[in-house]
Amino acid sequence: MEGYGYKIIFEDGCWYWGTSQYKGAPPEKDGYYGSPETHIAKWETPHSKIVLKVFYKEQTRLDYEEMCIRPDLNNPKCLNEHAGRAFSREACRTGGKTSAEKSRGVPRTPEVKDKISKKNKGRKLTPEHIQKLRDAERPPITPEVIKKMIESKKGYKHSEETKRKIGSGNKGKKRPQELRDRIAETRKGVKWYNNGEESIQAREHPGESWEEGRIIGWETPRNTGMRWYHRGGERKMFLEDPGDGWEQGMPRPKGKRYYNNGSEHILAYESPGSGWVLGRLSRK
């Protein structure tokens, strides 16, 4: 006898396929229970070995082991992680993470970058691959995750070079009509409103001190150097003082003024009381 094939069964229903060479003692009593690497701790729990078959040729024994493992390779109860050159999805995932951790922060040489670029150039995903990516389970995006993403981006600014690259990449691109229709549908009924100091977007009118329209609080190529002027409830931007009754600035909401107590400010028709003075606190 050259060796034998066996199966180890654990009390929770898991199992492990294996083979061993003949050790000079009956297979049931030779004390060999495999040489696992991934689930070593499992062998500390109660288990038993069943001898399945004896062999007289090594290759036949090894082929038998692979034949037993392959159908169970991705079964969560099977503790084998590879059969010949085939590896389970879990083993591939773990190996990929380990490899990524080792290579993180290690700069790639220009030669390696060039090889990766050439290999991916012109590569197209098959419909089957695209469908698998769509069907893949992803962790849910919870409010907590969104908050963390926003916090991680706070204060970040693109460099001028990055801005130029983004601009060049988007130049000439046209959104398909289907996408434009979807965006238009989500924005239907949304309007800009302002109270003379700030602007918000809403589907419904926010209140009597608000009116339709947006305050442009930054310079764009169209309004560089222009200033806001108002007259009789009307407001416009001009490069120079237009005169004829126009006053510089945004019109104040009718009847209401800002009052502050040193720590907060509110918009009211009259002073809220002692300790409140006219004016709005600046944003920090």
C-alpha atoms as a PDB file:
ATOM      1  CA  MET A   1       0.000   0.000   0.000  1.00  0.00           C
ATOM      2  CA  GLU A   2       1.367   3.442  -1.008  1.00  0.00           C
ATOM      3  CA  GLY A   3      -1.160   5.607   0.877  1.00  0.00           C
ATOM      4  CA  TYR A   4      -4.817   6.306   1.529  1.00  0.00           C
ATOM      5  CA  GLY A   5      -7.555   8.935   1.229  1.00  0.00           C
ATOM      6  CA  TYR A   6      -9.558  10.123   4.236  1.00  0.00           C
ATOM      7  CA  LYS A   7     -12.236  12.549   5.409  1.00  0.00           C
ATOM      8  CA  ILE A   8     -12.269  14.354   8.764  1.00  0.00           C
ATOM      9  CA  ILE A   9     -15.694  15.217  10.171  1.00  0.00           C
ATOM     10  CA  PHE A  10     -16.244  17.863  12.879  1.00  0.00           C
ATOM     11  CA  GLU A  11     -19.066  18.093  15.387  1.00  0.00           C
ATOM     12  CA  ASP A  12     -20.566  21.203  13.760  1.00  0.00           C
ATOM     13  CA  GLY A  13     -20.938  19.452  10.375  1.00  0.00           C
ATOM     14  CA  CYS A  14     -17.738  20.756   8.713  1.00  0.00           C
ATOM     15  CA  TRP A  15     -15.407  18.379   6.920  1.00  0.00           C
ATOM     16  CA  TYR A  16     -11.912  18.145   5.444  1.00  0.00           C
ATOM     17  CA  TRP A  17     -10.688  15.959   2.579  1.00  0.00           C
ATOM     18  CA  GLY A  18      -7.107  14.662   2.605  1.00  0.00           C
ATOM     19  CA  THR A  19      -4.626  11.957   1.670  1.00  0.00           C
ATOM     20  CA  SER A  20      -1.558  10.547   3.368  1.00  0.00           C
ATOM     21  CA  GLN A  21       1.296   8.208   2.570  1.00  0.00           C
ATOM     22  CA  TYR A  22       1.481   4.873   4.357  1.00  0.00           C
ATOM     23  CA  LYS A  23       3.268   5.349   7.710  1.00  0.00           C
ATOM     24  CA  GLY A  24       3.797   1.706   8.685  1.00  0.00           C
ATOM     25  CA  ALA A  25       0.650   1.518  10.808  1.00  0.00           C
ATOM     26  CA  PRO A  26      -3.018   0.954   9.923  1.00  0.00           C
ATOM     27  CA  PRO A  27      -4.451   4.236   8.520  1.00  0.00           C
ATOM     28  CA  GLU A  28      -7.073   4.367  11.301  1.00  0.00           C
ATOM     29  CA  LYS A  29      -4.352   4.268  13.968  1.00  0.00           C
ATOM     30  CA  ASP A  30      -1.382   6.133  12.462  1.00  0.00           C
ATOM     31  CA  GLY A  31      -2.341   9.345  14.300  1.00  0.00           C
ATOM     32  CA  TYR A  32      -2.329  11.517  11.167  1.00  0.00           C
ATOM     33  CA  TYR A  33      -5.155  14.050  10.928  1.00  0.00           C
ATOM     34  CA  GLY A  34      -3.976  16.293   8.103  1.00  0.00           C
ATOM     35  CA  SER A  35      -1.767  19.397   7.885  1.00  0.00           C
ATOM     36  CA  PRO A  36      -4.220  22.329   7.514  1.00  0.00           C
ATOM     37  CA  GLU A  37      -3.034  25.948   7.371  1.00  0.00           C
ATOM     38  CA  THR A  38      -6.180  28.062   7.001  1.00  0.00           C
ATOM     39  CA  HIS A  39      -8.423  26.562   9.690  1.00  0.00           C
ATOM     40  CA  ILE A  40      -5.887  25.203  12.190  1.00  0.00           C
ATOM     41  CA  ALA A  41      -7.975  26.249  15.211  1.00  0.00           C
ATOM     42  CA  LYS A  42     -10.767  23.953  13.999  1.00  0.00           C
ATOM     43  CA  TRP A  43      -8.652  20.895  14.829  1.00  0.00           C
ATOM     44  CA  GLU A  44      -8.841  21.821  18.510  1.00  0.00           C
ATOM     45  CA  THR A  45     -12.549  20.932  18.468  1.00  0.00           C
ATOM     46  CA  PRO A  46     -13.833  17.297  18.544  1.00  0.00           C
ATOM     47  CA  HIS A  47     -13.395  15.485  15.217  1.00  0.00           C
ATOM     48  CA  SER A  48     -12.994  12.009  13.757  1.00  0.00           C
ATOM     49  CA  LYS A  49     -11.237  10.502  10.729  1.00  0.00           C
ATOM     50  CA  ILE A  50     -12.805   8.138   8.207  1.00  0.00           C
ATOM     51  CA  VAL A  51     -10.527   6.198   5.846  1.00  0.00           C
ATOM     52  CA  LEU A  52     -12.160   6.147   2.411  1.00  0.00           C
ATOM     53  CA  LYS A  53      -9.783   4.291   0.119  1.00  0.00           C
ATOM     54  CA  VAL A  54      -6.262   2.843  -0.071  1.00  0.00           C
ATOM     55  CA  PHE A  55      -3.924   3.321  -3.061  1.00  0.00           C
ATOM     56  CA  TYR A  56      -0.892   1.687  -4.550  1.00  0.00           C
ATOM     57  CA  LYS A  57       0.161   4.574  -6.808  1.00  0.00           C
ATOM     58  CA  GLU A  58       0.919   8.115  -5.612  1.00  0.00           C
ATOM     59  CA  GLN A  59      -0.584   9.928  -8.620  1.00  0.00           C
ATOM     60  CA  THR A  60      -3.831   7.974  -8.307  1.00  0.00           C
ATOM     61  CA  ARG A  61      -4.020   9.003  -4.643  1.00  0.00           C
ATOM     62  CA  LEU A  62      -3.413  12.696  -5.435  1.00  0.00           C
ATOM     63  CA  ASP A  63      -5.966  12.637  -8.285  1.00  0.00           C
ATOM     64  CA  TYR A  64      -8.539  11.133  -5.926  1.00  0.00           C
ATOM     65  CA  GLU A  65      -7.996  13.913  -3.367  1.00  0.00           C
ATOM     66  CA  GLU A  66      -8.512  16.624  -6.017  1.00  0.00           C
ATOM     67  CA  MET A  67     -11.632  14.846  -7.312  1.00  0.00           C
ATOM     68  CA  CYS A  68     -13.128  14.899  -3.790  1.00  0.00           C
ATOM     69  CA  ILE A  69     -12.287  18.539  -3.028  1.00  0.00           C
ATOM     70  CA  ARG A  70     -13.243  20.311  -6.274  1.00  0.00           C
ATOM     71  CA  PRO A  71     -17.071  19.968  -5.961  1.00  0.00           C
ATOM     72  CA  ASP A  72     -16.862  21.284  -2.354  1.00  0.00           C
ATOM     73  CA  LEU A  73     -14.244  23.993  -2.894  1.00  0.00           C
ATOM     74  CA  ASN A  74     -16.602  26.933  -2.254  1.00  0.00           C
ATOM     75  CA  ASN A  75     -18.851  25.161   0.220  1.00  0.00           C
ATOM     76  CA  PRO A  76     -18.659  27.073   3.552  1.00  0.00           C
ATOM     77  CA  LYS A  77     -18.664  23.752   5.425  1.00  0.00           C
ATOM     78  CA  CYS A  78     -15.669  22.413   3.530  1.00  0.00           C
ATOM     79  CA  LEU A  79     -12.366  23.383   5.183  1.00  0.00           C
ATOM     80  CA  ASN A  80     -10.238  22.742   2.095  1.00  0.00           C
ATOM     81  CA  GLU A  81      -9.176  25.973   0.358  1.00  0.00           C
ATOM     82  CA  HIS A  82      -7.469  24.578  -2.741  1.00  0.00           C
ATOM     83  CA  ALA A  83      -7.375  21.536  -4.988  1.00  0.00           C
ATOM     84  CA  GLY A  84      -4.352  21.278  -7.264  1.00  0.00           C
ATOM     85  CA  ARG A  85      -4.109  24.667  -8.977  1.00  0.00           C
ATOM     86  CA  ALA A  86      -7.676  25.683  -8.099  1.00  0.00           C
ATOM     87  CA  PHE A  87      -8.320  27.924  -5.093  1.00  0.00           C
ATOM     88  CA  SER A  88     -11.542  28.793  -3.304  1.00  0.00           C
ATOM     89  CA  ARG A  89     -13.039  32.270  -3.584  1.00  0.00           C
ATOM     90  CA  GLU A  90     -12.278  32.898   0.102  1.00  0.00           C
ATOM     91  CA  ALA A  91      -8.620  31.961  -0.391  1.00  0.00           C
ATOM     92  CA  CYS A  92      -8.370  34.275  -3.400  1.00  0.00           C
ATOM     93  CA  ARG A  93     -10.038  37.116  -1.470  1.00  0.00           C
ATOM     94  CA  THR A  94      -7.737  36.668   1.535  1.00  0.00           C
ATOM     95  CA  GLY A  95      -4.664  36.393  -0.697  1.00  0.00           C
ATOM     96  CA  GLY A  96      -5.667  39.521  -2.610  1.00  0.00           C
ATOM     97  CA  LYS A  97      -6.065  41.547   0.590  1.00  0.00           C
ATOM     98  CA  THR A  98      -2.719  40.334   1.931  1.00  0.00           C
ATOM     99  CA  SER A  99      -0.991  41.171  -1.346  1.00  0.00           C
ATOM    100  CA  ALA A 100      -2.610  44.624  -1.423  1.00  0.00           C
ATOM    101  CA  GLU A 101      -1.458  45.359   2.136  1.00  0.00           C
ATOM    102  CA  LYS A 102       2.111  44.362   1.280  1.00  0.00           C
ATOM    103  CA  SER A 103       2.215  46.522  -1.845  1.00  0.00           C
ATOM    104  CA  ARG A 104       0.417  49.534  -0.328  1.00  0.00           C
ATOM    105  CA  GLY A 105       2.641  52.591  -0.396  1.00  0.00           C
ATOM    106  CA  VAL A 106       5.276  50.900  -2.570  1.00  0.00           C
ATOM    107  CA  PRO A 107       5.828  53.070  -5.673  1.00  0.00           C
ATOM    108  CA  ARG A 108       5.670  51.289  -9.032  1.00  0.00           C
ATOM    109  CA  THR A 109       8.464  51.734 -11.508  1.00  0.00           C
ATOM    110  CA  PRO A 110       7.730  53.388 -14.887  1.00  0.00           C
ATOM    111  CA  GLU A 111       8.338  50.004 -16.563  1.00  0.00           C
ATOM    112  CA  VAL A 112       5.669  48.288 -14.413  1.00  0.00           C
ATOM    113  CA  LYS A 113       3.201  51.147 -15.021  1.00  0.00           C
ATOM    114  CA  ASP A 114       3.819  50.892 -18.765  1.00  0.00           C
ATOM    115  CA  LYS A 115       3.192  47.119 -18.742  1.00  0.00           C
ATOM    116  CA  ILE A 116      -0.079  47.551 -16.822  1.00  0.00           C
ATOM    117  CA  SER A 117      -1.172  50.330 -19.180  1.00  0.00           C
ATOM    118  CA  LYS A 118      -0.479  48.257 -22.306  1.00  0.00           C
ATOM    119  CA  LYS A 119      -2.253  45.225 -20.877  1.00  0.00           C
ATOM    120  CA  ASN A 120      -5.421  47.197 -20.067  1.00  0.00           C
ATOM    121  CA  LYS A 121      -5.462  49.287 -23.238  1.00  0.00           C
ATOM    122  CA  GLY A 122      -8.457  48.391 -25.397  1.00  0.00           C
ATOM    123  CA  ARG A 123      -9.672  45.835 -22.869  1.00  0.00           C
ATOM    124  CA  LYS A 124     -13.462  45.443 -22.747  1.00  0.00           C
ATOM    125  CA  LEU A 125     -15.474  43.615 -20.129  1.00  0.00           C
ATOM    126  CA  THR A 126     -17.724  40.817 -21.353  1.00  0.00           C
ATOM    127  CA  PRO A 127     -21.504  41.098 -20.725  1.00  0.00           C
ATOM    128  CA  GLU A 128     -21.177  38.201 -18.264  1.00  0.00           C
ATOM    129  CA  HIS A 129     -18.448  40.026 -16.304  1.00  0.00           C
ATOM    130  CA  ILE A 130     -20.516  43.240 -16.235  1.00  0.00           C
ATOM    131  CA  GLN A 131     -23.546  41.317 -14.950  1.00  0.00           C
ATOM    132  CA  LYS A 132     -21.442  39.697 -12.211  1.00  0.00           C
ATOM    133  CA  LEU A 133     -20.247  43.129 -11.075  1.00  0.00           C
ATOM    134  CA  ARG A 134     -23.845  44.354 -10.983  1.00  0.00           C
ATOM    135  CA  ASP A 135     -25.005  41.317  -9.003  1.00  0.00           C
ATOM    136  CA  ALA A 136     -22.098  41.429  -6.545  1.00  0.00           C
ATOM    137  CA  GLU A 137     -23.105  42.054  -2.943  1.00  0.00           C
ATOM    138  CA  ARG A 138     -21.847  45.374  -1.637  1.00  0.00           C
ATOM    139  CA  PRO A 139     -22.022  46.800   1.883  1.00  0.00           C
ATOM    140  CA  PRO A 140     -24.994  49.167   2.316  1.00  0.00           C
ATOM    141  CA  ILE A 141     -24.279  52.908   2.212  1.00  0.00           C
ATOM    142  CA  THR A 142     -25.661  53.992   5.590  1.00  0.00           C
ATOM    143  CA  PRO A 143     -25.978  57.601   6.844  1.00  0.00           C
ATOM    144  CA  GLU A 144     -22.920  56.918   9.010  1.00  0.00           C
ATOM    145  CA  VAL A 145     -20.886  55.855   5.954  1.00  0.00           C
ATOM    146  CA  ILE A 146     -22.021  58.964   4.048  1.00  0.00           C
ATOM    147  CA  LYS A 147     -21.027  61.163   7.005  1.00  0.00           C
ATOM    148  CA  LYS A 148     -17.565  59.586   7.117  1.00  0.00           C
ATOM    149  CA  MET A 149     -17.134  60.100   3.366  1.00  0.00           C
ATOM    150  CA  ILE A 150     -18.079  63.780   3.704  1.00  0.00           C
ATOM    151  CA  GLU A 151     -15.738  64.270   6.678  1.00  0.00           C
ATOM    152  CA  SER A 152     -12.844  62.656   4.797  1.00  0.00           C
ATOM    153  CA  LYS A 153     -13.320  65.115   1.909  1.00  0.00           C
ATOM    154  CA  LYS A 154     -13.553  68.258   4.044  1.00  0.00           C
ATOM    155  CA  GLY A 155     -10.866  70.793   3.231  1.00  0.00           C
ATOM    156  CA  TYR A 156      -9.621  68.786   0.241  1.00  0.00           C
ATOM    157  CA  LYS A 157      -8.906  70.757  -2.910  1.00  0.00           C
ATOM    158  CA  HIS A 158      -7.863  69.507  -6.332  1.00  0.00           C
ATOM    159  CA  SER A 159      -4.532  70.766  -7.602  1.00  0.00           C
ATOM    160  CA  GLU A 160      -4.490  72.927 -10.727  1.00  0.00           C
ATOM    161  CA  GLU A 161      -2.991  70.024 -12.681  1.00  0.00           C
ATOM    162  CA  THR A 162      -5.837  67.719 -11.564  1.00  0.00           C
ATOM    163  CA  LYS A 163      -8.399  70.361 -12.534  1.00  0.00           C
ATOM    164  CA  ARG A 164      -6.846  70.602 -16.013  1.00  0.00           C
ATOM    165  CA  LYS A 165      -6.909  66.814 -16.388  1.00  0.00           C
ATOM    166  CA  ILE A 166     -10.571  66.637 -15.339  1.00  0.00           C
ATOM    167  CA  GLY A 167     -11.415  69.445 -17.744  1.00  0.00           C
ATOM    168  CA  SER A 168      -9.570  67.769 -20.636  1.00  0.00           C
ATOM    169  CA  GLY A 169     -11.210  64.426 -19.889  1.00  0.00           C
ATOM    170  CA  ASN A 170     -14.712  65.934 -19.919  1.00  0.00           C
ATOM    171  CA  LYS A 171     -14.191  68.184 -22.925  1.00  0.00           C
ATOM    172  CA  GLY A 172     -16.471  67.188 -25.776  1.00  0.00           C
ATOM    173  CA  LYS A 173     -18.338  64.601 -23.707  1.00  0.00           C
ATOM    174  CA  LYS A 174     -22.097  64.512 -24.107  1.00  0.00           C
ATOM    175  CA  ARG A 175     -24.477  62.935 -21.650  1.00  0.00           C
ATOM    176  CA  PRO A 176     -26.854  60.440 -23.295  1.00  0.00           C
ATOM    177  CA  GLN A 177     -30.453  61.601 -23.510  1.00  0.00           C
ATOM    178  CA  GLU A 178     -31.586  58.821 -21.189  1.00  0.00           C
ATOM    179  CA  LEU A 179     -29.267  60.088 -18.426  1.00  0.00           C
ATOM    180  CA  ARG A 180     -30.338  63.696 -19.022  1.00  0.00           C
ATOM    181  CA  ASP A 181     -33.988  62.668 -18.740  1.00  0.00           C
ATOM    182  CA  ARG A 182     -33.317  60.861 -15.441  1.00  0.00           C
ATOM    183  CA  ILE A 183     -31.534  63.910 -13.986  1.00  0.00           C
ATOM    184  CA  ALA A 184     -34.341  66.195 -15.175  1.00  0.00           C
ATOM    185  CA  GLU A 185     -36.906  63.943 -13.497  1.00  0.00           C
ATOM    186  CA  THR A 186     -35.122  64.084 -10.132  1.00  0.00           C
ATOM    187  CA  ARG A 187     -34.877  67.900 -10.336  1.00  0.00           C
ATOM    188  CA  LYS A 188     -38.481  68.453 -11.361  1.00  0.00           C
ATOM    189  CA  GLY A 189     -40.201  70.983  -9.095  1.00  0.00           C
ATOM    190  CA  VAL A 190     -36.973  72.093  -7.339  1.00  0.00           C
ATOM    191  CA  LYS A 191     -36.428  75.868  -7.229  1.00  0.00           C
ATOM    192  CA  TRP A 192     -33.917  78.290  -5.732  1.00  0.00           C
ATOM    193  CA  TYR A 193     -35.116  80.626  -2.961  1.00  0.00           C
ATOM    194  CA  ASN A 194     -33.275  83.371  -1.069  1.00  0.00           C
ATOM    195  CA  ASN A 195     -33.962  85.634   1.899  1.00  0.00           C
ATOM    196  CA  GLY A 196     -31.532  88.334   0.813  1.00  0.00           C
ATOM    197  CA  GLU A 197     -28.650  86.704   2.674  1.00  0.00           C
ATOM    198  CA  GLU A 198     -28.544  83.043   1.690  1.00  0.00           C
ATOM    199  CA  SER A 199     -29.934  80.696  -0.947  1.00  0.00           C
ATOM    200  CA  ILE A 200     -31.542  77.272  -0.615  1.00  0.00           C
ATOM    201  CA  GLN A 201     -33.135  74.729  -2.953  1.00  0.00           C
ATOM    202  CA  ALA A 202     -36.604  73.411  -2.166  1.00  0.00           C
ATOM    203  CA  ARG A 203     -39.685  71.924  -3.805  1.00  0.00           C
ATOM    204  CA  GLU A 204     -41.997  74.126  -1.721  1.00  0.00           C
ATOM    205  CA  HIS A 205     -41.834  77.817  -0.811  1.00  0.00           C
ATOM    206  CA  PRO A 206     -39.894  78.029   2.510  1.00  0.00           C
ATOM    207  CA  GLY A 207     -41.849  81.002   3.918  1.00  0.00           C
ATOM    208  CA  GLU A 208     -42.882  84.644   3.659  1.00  0.00           C
ATOM    209  CA  SER A 209     -39.357  86.098   4.040  1.00  0.00           C
ATOM    210  CA  TRP A 210     -38.113  84.072   1.075  1.00  0.00           C
ATOM    211  CA  GLU A 211     -38.475  84.817  -2.603  1.00  0.00           C
ATOM    212  CA  GLU A 212     -37.629  82.912  -5.764  1.00  0.00           C
ATOM    213  CA  GLY A 213     -34.120  83.259  -7.126  1.00  0.00           C
ATOM    214  CA  ARG A 214     -30.563  82.459  -6.206  1.00  0.00           C
ATOM    215  CA  ILE A 215     -27.889  84.730  -4.764  1.00  0.00           C
ATOM    216  CA  ILE A 216     -24.599  84.204  -6.570  1.00  0.00           C
ATOM    217  CA  GLY A 217     -22.034  84.502  -3.818  1.00  0.00           C
ATOM    218  CA  TRP A 218     -18.953  83.742  -5.858  1.00  0.00           C
ATOM    219  CA  GLU A 219     -17.323  84.972  -9.031  1.00  0.00           C
ATOM    220  CA  THR A 220     -17.771  83.161 -12.314  1.00  0.00           C
ATOM    221  CA  PRO A 221     -16.516  84.077 -15.799  1.00  0.00           C
ATOM    222  CA  ARG A 222     -19.893  85.754 -16.360  1.00  0.00           C
ATOM    223  CA  ASN A 223     -20.050  87.892 -13.214  1.00  0.00           C
ATOM    224  CA  THR A 224     -16.399  88.701 -12.474  1.00  0.00           C
ATOM    225  CA  GLY A 225     -16.169  92.240 -11.122  1.00  0.00           C
ATOM    226  CA  MET A 226     -19.955  92.702 -10.958  1.00  0.00           C
ATOM    227  CA  ARG A 227     -21.872  93.840  -7.871  1.00  0.00           C
ATOM    228  CA  TRP A 228     -25.451  93.382  -6.721  1.00  0.00           C
ATOM    229  CA  TYR A 229     -27.824  96.382  -6.807  1.00  0.00           C
ATOM    230  CA  HIS A 230     -31.504  96.604  -5.864  1.00  0.00           C
ATOM    231  CA  ARG A 231     -34.376  99.009  -6.500  1.00  0.00           C
ATOM    232  CA  GLY A 232     -37.995  98.641  -5.448  1.00  0.00           C
ATOM    233  CA  GLY A 233     -37.707  94.906  -4.809  1.00  0.00           C
ATOM    234  CA  GLU A 234     -35.885  94.290  -8.095  1.00  0.00           C
ATOM    235  CA  ARG A 235     -32.247  93.171  -8.031  1.00  0.00           C
ATOM    236  CA  LYS A 236     -29.574  92.926 -10.731  1.00  0.00           C
ATOM    237  CA  MET A 237     -25.806  92.711 -11.128  1.00  0.00           C
ATOM    238  CA  PHE A 238     -23.829  95.544 -12.734  1.00  0.00           C
ATOM    239  CA  LEU A 239     -20.160  96.261 -13.378  1.00  0.00           C
ATOM    240  CA  GLU A 240     -20.678  99.903 -12.379  1.00  0.00           C
ATOM    241  CA  ASP A 241     -23.215 101.841 -10.307  1.00  0.00           C
ATOM    242  CA  PRO A 242     -26.263 102.134 -12.603  1.00  0.00           C
ATOM    243  CA  GLY A 243     -27.632 105.162 -10.700  1.00  0.00           C
ATOM    244  CA  ASP A 244     -31.325 106.041 -11.237  1.00  0.00           C
ATOM    245  CA  GLY A 245     -32.387 104.879  -7.743  1.00  0.00           C
ATOM    246  CA  TRP A 246     -30.368 101.678  -7.598  1.00  0.00           C
ATOM    247  CA  GLU A 247     -28.695 100.861  -4.254  1.00  0.00           C
ATOM    248  CA  GLN A 248     -25.710  98.545  -3.877  1.00  0.00           C
ATOM    249  CA  GLY A 249     -26.308  95.249  -2.057  1.00  0.00           C
ATOM    250  CA  MET A 250     -29.060  92.663  -1.777  1.00  0.00           C
ATOM    251  CA  PRO A 251     -32.575  93.784  -0.762  1.00  0.00           C
ATOM    252  CA  ARG A 252     -33.465  93.084   2.867  1.00  0.00           C
ATOM    253  CA  PRO A 253     -36.505  90.843   3.459  1.00  0.00           C
ATOM    254  CA  LYS A 254     -39.574  93.043   3.833  1.00  0.00           C
ATOM    255  CA  GLY A 255     -40.258  93.994   7.423  1.00  0.00           C
ATOM    256  CA  LYS A 256     -37.687  91.609   8.912  1.00  0.00           C
ATOM    257  CA  ARG A 257     -34.198  92.275  10.212  1.00  0.00           C
ATOM    258  CA  TYR A 258     -31.391  90.200  11.657  1.00  0.00           C
ATOM    259  CA  TYR A 259     -30.846  90.391  15.418  1.00  0.00           C
ATOM    260  CA  ASN A 260     -28.096  88.685  17.436  1.00  0.00           C
ATOM    261  CA  ASN A 261     -27.280  88.143  21.113  1.00  0.00           C
ATOM    262  CA  GLY A 262     -23.586  87.523  20.576  1.00  0.00           C
ATOM    263  CA  SER A 263     -23.907  83.764  20.134  1.00  0.00           C
ATOM    264  CA  GLU A 264     -26.734  83.327  17.629  1.00  0.00           C
ATOM    265  CA  HIS A 265     -28.792  85.391  15.217  1.00  0.00           C
ATOM    266  CA  ILE A 266     -32.410  85.284  14.047  1.00  0.00           C
ATOM    267  CA  LEU A 267     -34.568  86.995  11.441  1.00  0.00           C
ATOM    268  CA  ALA A 268     -37.485  88.871  13.046  1.00  0.00           C
ATOM    269  CA  TYR A 269     -39.858  91.798  12.505  1.00  0.00           C
ATOM    270  CA  GLU A 270     -38.753  93.374  15.828  1.00  0.00           C
ATOM    271  CA  SER A 271     -36.121  92.905  18.528  1.00  0.00           C
ATOM    272  CA  PRO A 272     -36.644  89.623  20.444  1.00  0.00           C
ATOM    273  CA  GLY A 273     -35.871  91.413  23.714  1.00  0.00           C
ATOM    274  CA  SER A 274     -33.130  92.597  26.037  1.00  0.00           C
ATOM    275  CA  GLY A 275     -29.623  91.561  25.014  1.00  0.00           C
ATOM    276  CA  TRP A 276     -30.416  91.434  21.291  1.00  0.00           C
ATOM    277  CA  VAL A 277     -28.893  93.957  18.867  1.00  0.00           C
ATOM    278  CA  LEU A 278     -29.286  94.582  15.154  1.00  0.00           C
ATOM    279  CA  GLY A 279     -26.988  92.616  12.844  1.00  0.00           C
ATOM    280  CA  ARG A 280     -26.094  89.148  11.729  1.00  0.00           C
ATOM    281  CA  LEU A 281     -23.130  87.164  13.068  1.00  0.00           C
ATOM    282  CA  SER A 282     -20.466  86.356  10.516  1.00  0.00           C
ATOM    283  CA  ARG A 283     -19.924  82.703   9.560  1.00  0.00           C
ATOM    284  CA  LYS A 284     -16.804  81.054  10.933  1.00  0.00           C
END
